């Protein structure tokens, strides 16, 4: 990663692993993150349940989406921190995506590029 690169790391993780991921990110010095509750389907199997005598299938599982934009910290360090914090070894641990960011602008100061991150 060159000095001018800005990247966004997006991870879909189990909700109960959010605390561990936040701690891992703090240890590598990740400056900020955004957390959103989402639901989705991947390789984790569907669950069948019963409610008031009716059977139902849950194939969309609750996840937490963690987004982190980095410029000065190597994205590989952030990815590894998320992977270590979210890992259980079971299906449904989640996925991590690394995306290039063409520009960033800080609204308050009007800084742009890596300075805005």
PDB file of N, CA and C in Angstrom:
ATOM      1  N   UNK A   1       0.840  -1.178   0.000  1.00  0.00           N
ATOM      2  CA  UNK A   1       0.000   0.000   0.000  1.00  0.00           C
ATOM      3  C   UNK A   1       0.882   1.237   0.000  1.00  0.00           C
ATOM      4  N   UNK A   2       0.683   2.153  -0.946  1.00  0.00           N
ATOM      5  CA  UNK A   2       1.476   3.373  -1.000  1.00  0.00           C
ATOM      6  C   UNK A   2       0.910   4.401  -0.029  1.00  0.00           C
ATOM      7  N   UNK A   3       1.639   5.519   0.163  1.00  0.00           N
ATOM      8  CA  UNK A   3       1.227   6.540   1.118  1.00  0.00           C
ATOM      9  C   UNK A   3      -0.078   7.214   0.726  1.00  0.00           C
ATOM     10  N   UNK A   4      -0.436   7.179  -0.535  1.00  0.00           N
ATOM     11  CA  UNK A   4      -1.626   7.883  -0.997  1.00  0.00           C
ATOM     12  C   UNK A   4      -2.864   6.998  -1.076  1.00  0.00           C
ATOM     13  N   UNK A   5      -2.748   5.717  -0.768  1.00  0.00           N
ATOM     14  CA  UNK A   5      -3.881   4.813  -0.865  1.00  0.00           C
ATOM     15  C   UNK A   5      -4.833   4.979   0.316  1.00  0.00           C
ATOM     16  N   UNK A   6      -6.116   4.981   0.004  1.00  0.00           N
ATOM     17  CA  UNK A   6      -7.165   4.943   1.013  1.00  0.00           C
ATOM     18  C   UNK A   6      -7.972   3.692   0.719  1.00  0.00           C
ATOM     19  N   UNK A   7      -8.212   2.884   1.756  1.00  0.00           N
ATOM     20  CA  UNK A   7      -8.974   1.657   1.559  1.00  0.00           C
ATOM     21  C   UNK A   7     -10.049   1.537   2.619  1.00  0.00           C
ATOM     22  N   UNK A   8     -11.152   0.909   2.226  1.00  0.00           N
ATOM     23  CA  UNK A   8     -12.235   0.625   3.156  1.00  0.00           C
ATOM     24  C   UNK A   8     -12.278  -0.878   3.384  1.00  0.00           C
ATOM     25  N   UNK A   9     -12.263  -1.248   4.640  1.00  0.00           N
ATOM     26  CA  UNK A   9     -12.395  -2.658   5.006  1.00  0.00           C
ATOM     27  C   UNK A   9     -13.815  -2.835   5.534  1.00  0.00           C
ATOM     28  N   UNK A  10     -14.553  -3.770   4.924  1.00  0.00           N
ATOM     29  CA  UNK A  10     -15.929  -4.065   5.313  1.00  0.00           C
ATOM     30  C   UNK A  10     -15.962  -5.514   5.772  1.00  0.00           C
ATOM     31  N   UNK A  11     -16.475  -5.735   6.974  1.00  0.00           N
ATOM     32  CA  UNK A  11     -16.551  -7.092   7.516  1.00  0.00           C
ATOM     33  C   UNK A  11     -17.964  -7.378   7.990  1.00  0.00           C
ATOM     34  N   UNK A  12     -18.442  -8.579   7.692  1.00  0.00           N
ATOM     35  CA  UNK A  12     -19.711  -9.079   8.209  1.00  0.00           C
ATOM     36  C   UNK A  12     -19.354 -10.129   9.243  1.00  0.00           C
ATOM     37  N   UNK A  13     -19.698  -9.883  10.509  1.00  0.00           N
ATOM     38  CA  UNK A  13     -19.287 -10.781  11.590  1.00  0.00           C
ATOM     39  C   UNK A  13     -20.478 -11.154  12.467  1.00  0.00           C
ATOM     40  N   UNK A  14     -20.254 -12.126  13.344  1.00  0.00           N
ATOM     41  CA  UNK A  14     -21.266 -12.520  14.322  1.00  0.00           C
ATOM     42  C   UNK A  14     -21.420 -11.374  15.344  1.00  0.00           C
ATOM     43  N   UNK A  15     -22.649 -11.083  15.755  1.00  0.00           N
ATOM     44  CA  UNK A  15     -22.853  -9.991  16.720  1.00  0.00           C
ATOM     45  C   UNK A  15     -22.102 -10.182  18.037  1.00  0.00           C
ATOM     46  N   UNK A  16     -21.983 -11.431  18.491  1.00  0.00           N
ATOM     47  CA  UNK A  16     -21.324 -11.672  19.768  1.00  0.00           C
ATOM     48  C   UNK A  16     -19.811 -11.499  19.710  1.00  0.00           C
ATOM     49  N   UNK A  17     -19.236 -11.340  18.521  1.00  0.00           N
ATOM     50  CA  UNK A  17     -17.794 -11.148  18.377  1.00  0.00           C
ATOM     51  C   UNK A  17     -17.412  -9.679  18.214  1.00  0.00           C
ATOM     52  N   UNK A  18     -18.384  -8.767  18.258  1.00  0.00           N
ATOM     53  CA  UNK A  18     -18.097  -7.346  18.046  1.00  0.00           C
ATOM     54  C   UNK A  18     -17.118  -6.796  19.080  1.00  0.00           C
ATOM     55  N   UNK A  19     -17.284  -7.140  20.328  1.00  0.00           N
ATOM     56  CA  UNK A  19     -16.375  -6.665  21.372  1.00  0.00           C
ATOM     57  C   UNK A  19     -14.941  -7.083  21.118  1.00  0.00           C
ATOM     58  N   UNK A  20     -14.738  -8.339  20.723  1.00  0.00           N
ATOM     59  CA  UNK A  20     -13.399  -8.835  20.429  1.00  0.00           C
ATOM     60  C   UNK A  20     -12.794  -8.113  19.226  1.00  0.00           C
ATOM     61  N   UNK A  21     -13.624  -7.858  18.201  1.00  0.00           N
ATOM     62  CA  UNK A  21     -13.135  -7.166  17.000  1.00  0.00           C
ATOM     63  C   UNK A  21     -12.751  -5.725  17.345  1.00  0.00           C
ATOM     64  N   UNK A  22     -13.578  -5.050  18.133  1.00  0.00           N
ATOM     65  CA  UNK A  22     -13.261  -3.675  18.524  1.00  0.00           C
ATOM     66  C   UNK A  22     -11.946  -3.617  19.298  1.00  0.00           C
ATOM     67  N   UNK A  23     -11.732  -4.576  20.181  1.00  0.00           N
ATOM     68  CA  UNK A  23     -10.494  -4.616  20.955  1.00  0.00           C
ATOM     69  C   UNK A  23      -9.296  -4.862  20.041  1.00  0.00           C
ATOM     70  N   UNK A  24      -9.429  -5.788  19.085  1.00  0.00           N
ATOM     71  CA  UNK A  24      -8.342  -6.079  18.146  1.00  0.00           C
ATOM     72  C   UNK A  24      -8.016  -4.858  17.289  1.00  0.00           C
ATOM     73  N   UNK A  25      -9.052  -4.146  16.840  1.00  0.00           N
ATOM     74  CA  UNK A  25      -8.834  -2.947  16.034  1.00  0.00           C
ATOM     75  C   UNK A  25      -8.136  -1.857  16.844  1.00  0.00           C
ATOM     76  N   UNK A  26      -8.498  -1.706  18.107  1.00  0.00           N
ATOM     77  CA  UNK A  26      -7.845  -0.714  18.961  1.00  0.00           C
ATOM     78  C   UNK A  26      -6.367  -1.036  19.137  1.00  0.00           C
ATOM     79  N   UNK A  27      -6.040  -2.318  19.226  1.00  0.00           N
ATOM     80  CA  UNK A  27      -4.650  -2.735  19.403  1.00  0.00           C
ATOM     81  C   UNK A  27      -3.776  -2.410  18.200  1.00  0.00           C
ATOM     82  N   UNK A  28      -4.354  -2.432  16.973  1.00  0.00           N
ATOM     83  CA  UNK A  28      -3.562  -2.083  15.785  1.00  0.00           C
ATOM     84  C   UNK A  28      -3.656  -0.598  15.460  1.00  0.00           C
ATOM     85  N   UNK A  29      -4.426   0.152  16.255  1.00  0.00           N
ATOM     86  CA  UNK A  29      -4.511   1.596  16.058  1.00  0.00           C
ATOM     87  C   UNK A  29      -5.450   2.039  14.967  1.00  0.00           C
ATOM     88  N   UNK A  30      -6.455   1.212  14.637  1.00  0.00           N
ATOM     89  CA  UNK A  30      -7.438   1.620  13.631  1.00  0.00           C
ATOM     90  C   UNK A  30      -8.194   2.836  14.167  1.00  0.00           C
ATOM     91  N   UNK A  31      -8.221   3.921  13.415  1.00  0.00           N
ATOM     92  CA  UNK A  31      -8.711   5.192  13.951  1.00  0.00           C
ATOM     93  C   UNK A  31     -10.207   5.263  14.201  1.00  0.00           C
ATOM     94  N   UNK A  32     -11.002   4.678  13.339  1.00  0.00           N
ATOM     95  CA  UNK A  32     -12.446   4.802  13.495  1.00  0.00           C
ATOM     96  C   UNK A  32     -13.144   3.631  12.834  1.00  0.00           C
ATOM     97  N   UNK A  33     -14.398   3.435  13.188  1.00  0.00           N
ATOM     98  CA  UNK A  33     -15.169   2.379  12.558  1.00  0.00           C
ATOM     99  C   UNK A  33     -16.641   2.730  12.634  1.00  0.00           C
ATOM    100  N   UNK A  34     -17.402   2.117  11.744  1.00  0.00           N
ATOM    101  CA  UNK A  34     -18.849   2.244  11.720  1.00  0.00           C
ATOM    102  C   UNK A  34     -19.427   0.853  11.869  1.00  0.00           C
ATOM    103  N   UNK A  35     -20.443   0.720  12.713  1.00  0.00           N
ATOM    104  CA  UNK A  35     -21.058  -0.574  12.977  1.00  0.00           C
ATOM    105  C   UNK A  35     -22.542  -0.492  12.645  1.00  0.00           C
ATOM    106  N   UNK A  36     -23.029  -1.466  11.876  1.00  0.00           N
ATOM    107  CA  UNK A  36     -24.428  -1.523  11.483  1.00  0.00           C
ATOM    108  C   UNK A  36     -24.957  -2.934  11.708  1.00  0.00           C
ATOM    109  N   UNK A  37     -26.159  -3.057  12.243  1.00  0.00           N
ATOM    110  CA  UNK A  37     -26.797  -4.365  12.370  1.00  0.00           C
ATOM    111  C   UNK A  37     -27.430  -4.716  11.037  1.00  0.00           C
ATOM    112  N   UNK A  38     -27.105  -5.896  10.516  1.00  0.00           N
ATOM    113  CA  UNK A  38     -27.617  -6.349   9.228  1.00  0.00           C
ATOM    114  C   UNK A  38     -28.051  -7.803   9.351  1.00  0.00           C
ATOM    115  N   UNK A  39     -28.720  -8.315   8.331  1.00  0.00           N
ATOM    116  CA  UNK A  39     -29.021  -9.737   8.272  1.00  0.00           C
ATOM    117  C   UNK A  39     -28.675 -10.221   6.874  1.00  0.00           C
ATOM    118  N   UNK A  40     -28.269 -11.473   6.779  1.00  0.00           N
ATOM    119  CA  UNK A  40     -27.869 -11.993   5.487  1.00  0.00           C
ATOM    120  C   UNK A  40     -27.766 -13.496   5.491  1.00  0.00           C
ATOM    121  N   UNK A  41     -27.394 -14.015   4.334  1.00  0.00           N
ATOM    122  CA  UNK A  41     -27.299 -15.457   4.158  1.00  0.00           C
ATOM    123  C   UNK A  41     -25.990 -15.776   3.458  1.00  0.00           C
ATOM    124  N   UNK A  42     -25.298 -16.766   3.940  1.00  0.00           N
ATOM    125  CA  UNK A  42     -24.053 -17.229   3.337  1.00  0.00           C
ATOM    126  C   UNK A  42     -23.995 -18.740   3.442  1.00  0.00           C
ATOM    127  N   UNK A  43     -22.867 -19.258   3.895  1.00  0.00           N
ATOM    128  CA  UNK A  43     -22.718 -20.706   4.000  1.00  0.00           C
ATOM    129  C   UNK A  43     -23.305 -21.261   5.291  1.00  0.00           C
ATOM    130  N   UNK A  44     -23.688 -20.386   6.225  1.00  0.00           N
ATOM    131  CA  UNK A  44     -24.275 -20.835   7.485  1.00  0.00           C
ATOM    132  C   UNK A  44     -25.638 -21.467   7.197  1.00  0.00           C
ATOM    133  N   UNK A  45     -25.898 -22.672   7.709  1.00  0.00           N
ATOM    134  CA  UNK A  45     -27.152 -23.357   7.387  1.00  0.00           C
ATOM    135  C   UNK A  45     -28.370 -22.649   7.984  1.00  0.00           C
ATOM    136  N   UNK A  46     -29.520 -22.834   7.333  1.00  0.00           N
ATOM    137  CA  UNK A  46     -30.783 -22.284   7.831  1.00  0.00           C
ATOM    138  C   UNK A  46     -31.197 -23.028   9.086  1.00  0.00           C
ATOM    139  N   UNK A  47     -31.927 -22.343   9.946  1.00  0.00           N
ATOM    140  CA  UNK A  47     -32.426 -22.962  11.171  1.00  0.00           C
ATOM    141  C   UNK A  47     -33.942 -23.075  11.075  1.00  0.00           C
ATOM    142  N   UNK A  48     -34.464 -24.181  11.594  1.00  0.00           N
ATOM    143  CA  UNK A  48     -35.903 -24.398  11.609  1.00  0.00           C
ATOM    144  C   UNK A  48     -36.386 -24.264  13.040  1.00  0.00           C
ATOM    145  N   UNK A  49     -37.510 -23.590  13.205  1.00  0.00           N
ATOM    146  CA  UNK A  49     -38.075 -23.417  14.535  1.00  0.00           C
ATOM    147  C   UNK A  49     -39.578 -23.572  14.499  1.00  0.00           C
ATOM    148  N   UNK A  50     -40.199 -23.498  15.674  1.00  0.00           N
ATOM    149  CA  UNK A  50     -41.652 -23.576  15.764  1.00  0.00           C
ATOM    150  C   UNK A  50     -42.139 -22.441  16.633  1.00  0.00           C
ATOM    151  N   UNK A  51     -43.241 -21.828  16.209  1.00  0.00           N
ATOM    152  CA  UNK A  51     -43.861 -20.778  16.986  1.00  0.00           C
ATOM    153  C   UNK A  51     -45.359 -20.940  16.878  1.00  0.00           C
ATOM    154  N   UNK A  52     -46.020 -21.128  18.005  1.00  0.00           N
ATOM    155  CA  UNK A  52     -47.466 -21.352  18.071  1.00  0.00           C
ATOM    156  C   UNK A  52     -47.925 -22.480  17.149  1.00  0.00           C
ATOM    157  N   UNK A  53     -47.149 -23.542  17.153  1.00  0.00           N
ATOM    158  CA  UNK A  53     -47.512 -24.719  16.377  1.00  0.00           C
ATOM    159  C   UNK A  53     -47.146 -24.661  14.910  1.00  0.00           C
ATOM    160  N   UNK A  54     -46.670 -23.537  14.439  1.00  0.00           N
ATOM    161  CA  UNK A  54     -46.289 -23.390  13.027  1.00  0.00           C
ATOM    162  C   UNK A  54     -44.771 -23.470  12.900  1.00  0.00           C
ATOM    163  N   UNK A  55     -44.335 -24.221  11.918  1.00  0.00           N
ATOM    164  CA  UNK A  55     -42.905 -24.330  11.656  1.00  0.00           C
ATOM    165  C   UNK A  55     -42.463 -23.187  10.763  1.00  0.00           C
ATOM    166  N   UNK A  56     -41.279 -22.626  11.046  1.00  0.00           N
ATOM    167  CA  UNK A  56     -40.723 -21.559  10.211  1.00  0.00           C
ATOM    168  C   UNK A  56     -39.235 -21.797  10.005  1.00  0.00           C
ATOM    169  N   UNK A  57     -38.707 -21.203   8.951  1.00  0.00           N
ATOM    170  CA  UNK A  57     -37.291 -21.347   8.609  1.00  0.00           C
ATOM    171  C   UNK A  57     -36.626 -19.973   8.678  1.00  0.00           C
ATOM    172  N   UNK A  58     -35.518 -19.913   9.388  1.00  0.00           N
ATOM    173  CA  UNK A  58     -34.729 -18.689   9.466  1.00  0.00           C
ATOM    174  C   UNK A  58     -33.507 -18.893   8.585  1.00  0.00           C
ATOM    175  N   UNK A  59     -33.499 -18.248   7.419  1.00  0.00           N
ATOM    176  CA  UNK A  59     -32.335 -18.385   6.541  1.00  0.00           C
ATOM    177  C   UNK A  59     -31.564 -17.071   6.415  1.00  0.00           C
ATOM    178  N   UNK A  60     -32.067 -16.009   7.005  1.00  0.00           N
ATOM    179  CA  UNK A  60     -31.317 -14.757   7.094  1.00  0.00           C
ATOM    180  C   UNK A  60     -30.852 -14.613   8.541  1.00  0.00           C
ATOM    181  N   UNK A  61     -29.548 -14.642   8.740  1.00  0.00           N
ATOM    182  CA  UNK A  61     -28.961 -14.617  10.076  1.00  0.00           C
ATOM    183  C   UNK A  61     -28.537 -13.202  10.439  1.00  0.00           C
ATOM    184  N   UNK A  62     -28.671 -12.875  11.721  1.00  0.00           N
ATOM    185  CA  UNK A  62     -28.258 -11.559  12.198  1.00  0.00           C
ATOM    186  C   UNK A  62     -26.739 -11.472  12.181  1.00  0.00           C
ATOM    187  N   UNK A  63     -26.235 -10.388  11.621  1.00  0.00           N
ATOM    188  CA  UNK A  63     -24.802 -10.131  11.555  1.00  0.00           C
ATOM    189  C   UNK A  63     -24.559  -8.682  11.933  1.00  0.00           C
ATOM    190  N   UNK A  64     -23.305  -8.336  12.111  1.00  0.00           N
ATOM    191  CA  UNK A  64     -22.884  -6.967  12.334  1.00  0.00           C
ATOM    192  C   UNK A  64     -21.932  -6.603  11.203  1.00  0.00           C
ATOM    193  N   UNK A  65     -22.189  -5.471  10.568  1.00  0.00           N
ATOM    194  CA  UNK A  65     -21.324  -4.975   9.498  1.00  0.00           C
ATOM    195  C   UNK A  65     -20.392  -3.929  10.112  1.00  0.00           C
ATOM    196  N   UNK A  66     -19.090  -4.177  10.005  1.00  0.00           N
ATOM    197  CA  UNK A  66     -18.077  -3.269  10.529  1.00  0.00           C
ATOM    198  C   UNK A  66     -17.346  -2.663   9.339  1.00  0.00           C
ATOM    199  N   UNK A  67     -17.307  -1.333   9.275  1.00  0.00           N
ATOM    200  CA  UNK A  67     -16.613  -0.632   8.198  1.00  0.00           C
ATOM    201  C   UNK A  67     -15.507   0.220   8.811  1.00  0.00           C
ATOM    202  N   UNK A  68     -14.341   0.165   8.205  1.00  0.00           N
ATOM    203  CA  UNK A  68     -13.193   0.915   8.696  1.00  0.00           C
ATOM    204  C   UNK A  68     -12.425   1.444   7.490  1.00  0.00           C
ATOM    205  N   UNK A  69     -12.199   2.752   7.443  1.00  0.00           N
ATOM    206  CA  UNK A  69     -11.445   3.359   6.349  1.00  0.00           C
ATOM    207  C   UNK A  69     -10.058   3.707   6.876  1.00  0.00           C
ATOM    208  N   UNK A  70      -9.038   3.256   6.148  1.00  0.00           N
ATOM    209  CA  UNK A  70      -7.655   3.481   6.596  1.00  0.00           C
ATOM    210  C   UNK A  70      -6.828   4.102   5.490  1.00  0.00           C
ATOM    211  N   UNK A  71      -5.850   4.888   5.899  1.00  0.00           N
ATOM    212  CA  UNK A  71      -4.909   5.473   4.950  1.00  0.00           C
ATOM    213  C   UNK A  71      -3.474   5.251   5.421  1.00  0.00           C
ATOM    214  N   UNK A  72      -3.215   5.498   6.697  1.00  0.00           N
ATOM    215  CA  UNK A  72      -1.857   5.381   7.223  1.00  0.00           C
ATOM    216  C   UNK A  72      -1.554   4.001   7.791  1.00  0.00           C
ATOM    217  N   UNK A  73      -2.573   3.318   8.261  1.00  0.00           N
ATOM    218  CA  UNK A  73      -2.407   1.974   8.819  1.00  0.00           C
ATOM    219  C   UNK A  73      -2.545   0.968   7.678  1.00  0.00           C
ATOM    220  N   UNK A  74      -1.642   0.013   7.553  1.00  0.00           N
ATOM    221  CA  UNK A  74      -1.772  -0.982   6.479  1.00  0.00           C
ATOM    222  C   UNK A  74      -3.081  -1.763   6.593  1.00  0.00           C
ATOM    223  N   UNK A  75      -3.782  -1.868   5.485  1.00  0.00           N
ATOM    224  CA  UNK A  75      -5.064  -2.569   5.499  1.00  0.00           C
ATOM    225  C   UNK A  75      -4.894  -4.031   5.895  1.00  0.00           C
ATOM    226  N   UNK A  76      -3.739  -4.612   5.602  1.00  0.00           N
ATOM    227  CA  UNK A  76      -3.487  -6.007   5.978  1.00  0.00           C
ATOM    228  C   UNK A  76      -3.537  -6.179   7.494  1.00  0.00           C
ATOM    229  N   UNK A  77      -3.043  -5.181   8.243  1.00  0.00           N
ATOM    230  CA  UNK A  77      -3.073  -5.250   9.703  1.00  0.00           C
ATOM    231  C   UNK A  77      -4.508  -5.197  10.215  1.00  0.00           C
ATOM    232  N   UNK A  78      -5.334  -4.358   9.587  1.00  0.00           N
ATOM    233  CA  UNK A  78      -6.731  -4.225   9.988  1.00  0.00           C
ATOM    234  C   UNK A  78      -7.491  -5.512   9.676  1.00  0.00           C
ATOM    235  N   UNK A  79      -7.253  -6.072   8.489  1.00  0.00           N
ATOM    236  CA  UNK A  79      -7.908  -7.327   8.106  1.00  0.00           C
ATOM    237  C   UNK A  79      -7.535  -8.433   9.085  1.00  0.00           C
ATOM    238  N   UNK A  80      -6.269  -8.534   9.436  1.00  0.00           N
ATOM    239  CA  UNK A  80      -5.821  -9.574  10.353  1.00  0.00           C
ATOM    240  C   UNK A  80      -6.419  -9.368  11.748  1.00  0.00           C
ATOM    241  N   UNK A  81      -6.545  -8.120  12.184  1.00  0.00           N
ATOM    242  CA  UNK A  81      -7.140  -7.833  13.494  1.00  0.00           C
ATOM    243  C   UNK A  81      -8.611  -8.253  13.518  1.00  0.00           C
ATOM    244  N   UNK A  82      -9.336  -7.948  12.455  1.00  0.00           N
ATOM    245  CA  UNK A  82     -10.748  -8.346  12.382  1.00  0.00           C
ATOM    246  C   UNK A  82     -10.861  -9.867  12.341  1.00  0.00           C
ATOM    247  N   UNK A  83     -10.007 -10.503  11.525  1.00  0.00           N
ATOM    248  CA  UNK A  83     -10.058 -11.961  11.408  1.00  0.00           C
ATOM    249  C   UNK A  83      -9.795 -12.636  12.747  1.00  0.00           C
ATOM    250  N   UNK A  84      -8.787 -12.151  13.471  1.00  0.00           N
ATOM    251  CA  UNK A  84      -8.473 -12.743  14.769  1.00  0.00           C
ATOM    252  C   UNK A  84      -9.602 -12.535  15.776  1.00  0.00           C
ATOM    253  N   UNK A  85     -10.190 -11.339  15.780  1.00  0.00           N
ATOM    254  CA  UNK A  85     -11.251 -11.046  16.733  1.00  0.00           C
ATOM    255  C   UNK A  85     -12.549 -11.780  16.438  1.00  0.00           C
ATOM    256  N   UNK A  86     -12.836 -12.039  15.156  1.00  0.00           N
ATOM    257  CA  UNK A  86     -14.117 -12.632  14.765  1.00  0.00           C
ATOM    258  C   UNK A  86     -14.068 -14.153  14.623  1.00  0.00           C
ATOM    259  N   UNK A  87     -12.900 -14.753  14.659  1.00  0.00           N
ATOM    260  CA  UNK A  87     -12.746 -16.177  14.364  1.00  0.00           C
ATOM    261  C   UNK A  87     -13.292 -17.072  15.473  1.00  0.00           C
ATOM    262  N   UNK A  88     -14.163 -18.014  15.086  1.00  0.00           N
ATOM    263  CA  UNK A  88     -14.604 -19.075  15.999  1.00  0.00           C
ATOM    264  C   UNK A  88     -14.298 -20.445  15.412  1.00  0.00           C
ATOM    265  N   UNK A  89     -14.067 -20.510  14.099  1.00  0.00           N
ATOM    266  CA  UNK A  89     -13.809 -21.775  13.435  1.00  0.00           C
ATOM    267  C   UNK A  89     -15.061 -22.479  12.954  1.00  0.00           C
ATOM    268  N   UNK A  90     -16.226 -21.845  13.125  1.00  0.00           N
ATOM    269  CA  UNK A  90     -17.485 -22.449  12.705  1.00  0.00           C
ATOM    270  C   UNK A  90     -18.048 -21.716  11.493  1.00  0.00           C
ATOM    271  N   UNK A  91     -18.985 -22.367  10.798  1.00  0.00           N
ATOM    272  CA  UNK A  91     -19.655 -21.702   9.693  1.00  0.00           C
ATOM    273  C   UNK A  91     -20.374 -20.470  10.227  1.00  0.00           C
ATOM    274  N   UNK A  92     -20.384 -19.409   9.414  1.00  0.00           N
ATOM    275  CA  UNK A  92     -21.058 -18.186   9.823  1.00  0.00           C
ATOM    276  C   UNK A  92     -20.160 -17.183  10.510  1.00  0.00           C
ATOM    277  N   UNK A  93     -18.846 -17.426  10.531  1.00  0.00           N
ATOM    278  CA  UNK A  93     -17.920 -16.458  11.122  1.00  0.00           C
ATOM    279  C   UNK A  93     -17.949 -15.129  10.366  1.00  0.00           C
ATOM    280  N   UNK A  94     -18.209 -15.166   9.064  1.00  0.00           N
ATOM    281  CA  UNK A  94     -18.330 -13.929   8.302  1.00  0.00           C
ATOM    282  C   UNK A  94     -17.313 -13.813   7.185  1.00  0.00           C
ATOM    283  N   UNK A  95     -17.280 -12.624   6.608  1.00  0.00           N
ATOM    284  CA  UNK A  95     -16.378 -12.333   5.494  1.00  0.00           C
ATOM    285  C   UNK A  95     -15.790 -10.946   5.690  1.00  0.00           C
ATOM    286  N   UNK A  96     -14.625 -10.719   5.058  1.00  0.00           N
ATOM    287  CA  UNK A  96     -13.970  -9.410   5.081  1.00  0.00           C
ATOM    288  C   UNK A  96     -13.692  -9.020   3.638  1.00  0.00           C
ATOM    289  N   UNK A  97     -14.029  -7.779   3.298  1.00  0.00           N
ATOM    290  CA  UNK A  97     -13.796  -7.248   1.956  1.00  0.00           C
ATOM    291  C   UNK A  97     -12.923  -6.009   2.065  1.00  0.00           C
ATOM    292  N   UNK A  98     -11.989  -5.848   1.128  1.00  0.00           N
ATOM    293  CA  UNK A  98     -11.129  -4.667   1.080  1.00  0.00           C
ATOM    294  C   UNK A  98     -11.420  -3.946  -0.234  1.00  0.00           C
ATOM    295  N   UNK A  99     -11.826  -2.680  -0.119  1.00  0.00           N
ATOM    296  CA  UNK A  99     -12.233  -1.899  -1.284  1.00  0.00           C
ATOM    297  C   UNK A  99     -11.378  -0.645  -1.405  1.00  0.00           C
ATOM    298  N   UNK A 100     -10.990  -0.271  -2.631  1.00  0.00           N
ATOM    299  CA  UNK A 100     -10.270   1.000  -2.795  1.00  0.00           C
ATOM    300  C   UNK A 100     -11.232   2.177  -2.643  1.00  0.00           C
ATOM    301  N   UNK A 101     -10.751   3.268  -2.066  1.00  0.00           N
ATOM    302  CA  UNK A 101     -11.530   4.497  -1.926  1.00  0.00           C
ATOM    303  C   UNK A 101     -10.837   5.556  -2.769  1.00  0.00           C
ATOM    304  N   UNK A 102     -11.567   6.143  -3.721  1.00  0.00           N
ATOM    305  CA  UNK A 102     -10.940   7.108  -4.625  1.00  0.00           C
ATOM    306  C   UNK A 102     -10.642   8.434  -3.945  1.00  0.00           C
ATOM    307  N   UNK A 103     -11.454   8.853  -2.970  1.00  0.00           N
ATOM    308  CA  UNK A 103     -11.205  10.110  -2.274  1.00  0.00           C
ATOM    309  C   UNK A 103     -12.016  10.147  -0.996  1.00  0.00           C
ATOM    310  N   UNK A 104     -11.637  11.030  -0.093  1.00  0.00           N
ATOM    311  CA  UNK A 104     -12.365  11.264   1.146  1.00  0.00           C
ATOM    312  C   UNK A 104     -12.288  12.754   1.441  1.00  0.00           C
ATOM    313  N   UNK A 105     -13.358  13.323   1.955  1.00  0.00           N
ATOM    314  CA  UNK A 105     -13.396  14.734   2.310  1.00  0.00           C
ATOM    315  C   UNK A 105     -13.949  14.847   3.723  1.00  0.00           C
ATOM    316  N   UNK A 106     -13.214  15.538   4.587  1.00  0.00           N
ATOM    317  CA  UNK A 106     -13.689  15.782   5.944  1.00  0.00           C
ATOM    318  C   UNK A 106     -14.541  17.051   5.906  1.00  0.00           C
ATOM    319  N   UNK A 107     -15.774  16.946   6.302  1.00  0.00           N
ATOM    320  CA  UNK A 107     -16.732  18.044   6.167  1.00  0.00           C
ATOM    321  C   UNK A 107     -16.322  19.256   7.011  1.00  0.00           C
ATOM    322  N   UNK A 108     -15.932  19.035   8.255  1.00  0.00           N
ATOM    323  CA  UNK A 108     -15.627  20.154   9.160  1.00  0.00           C
ATOM    324  C   UNK A 108     -14.444  20.979   8.685  1.00  0.00           C
ATOM    325  N   UNK A 109     -13.345  20.297   8.283  1.00  0.00           N
ATOM    326  CA  UNK A 109     -12.100  21.021   7.953  1.00  0.00           C
ATOM    327  C   UNK A 109     -11.866  21.174   6.458  1.00  0.00           C
ATOM    328  N   UNK A 110     -12.643  20.498   5.631  1.00  0.00           N
ATOM    329  CA  UNK A 110     -12.493  20.503   4.183  1.00  0.00           C
ATOM    330  C   UNK A 110     -11.194  19.843   3.715  1.00  0.00           C
ATOM    331  N   UNK A 111     -10.555  19.059   4.605  1.00  0.00           N
ATOM    332  CA  UNK A 111      -9.379  18.302   4.200  1.00  0.00           C
ATOM    333  C   UNK A 111      -9.829  17.195   3.260  1.00  0.00           C
ATOM    334  N   UNK A 112      -8.943  16.796   2.354  1.00  0.00           N
ATOM    335  CA  UNK A 112      -9.287  15.713   1.452  1.00  0.00           C
ATOM    336  C   UNK A 112      -8.145  14.725   1.324  1.00  0.00           C
ATOM    337  N   UNK A 113      -8.447  13.581   0.735  1.00  0.00           N
ATOM    338  CA  UNK A 113      -7.446  12.532   0.573  1.00  0.00           C
ATOM    339  C   UNK A 113      -7.124  11.866   1.897  1.00  0.00           C
ATOM    340  N   UNK A 114      -5.907  11.328   2.031  1.00  0.00           N
ATOM    341  CA  UNK A 114      -5.518  10.627   3.251  1.00  0.00           C
ATOM    342  C   UNK A 114      -5.600  11.503   4.507  1.00  0.00           C
ATOM    343  N   UNK A 115      -5.420  12.820   4.359  1.00  0.00           N
ATOM    344  CA  UNK A 115      -5.524  13.705   5.526  1.00  0.00           C
ATOM    345  C   UNK A 115      -6.921  13.698   6.135  1.00  0.00           C
ATOM    346  N   UNK A 116      -7.938  13.428   5.325  1.00  0.00           N
ATOM    347  CA  UNK A 116      -9.324  13.428   5.791  1.00  0.00           C
ATOM    348  C   UNK A 116      -9.651  12.191   6.598  1.00  0.00           C
ATOM    349  N   UNK A 117      -8.874  11.150   6.400  1.00  0.00           N
ATOM    350  CA  UNK A 117      -9.162   9.882   7.083  1.00  0.00           C
ATOM    351  C   UNK A 117      -8.625   9.963   8.490  1.00  0.00           C
TER     352      UNK A 117
END
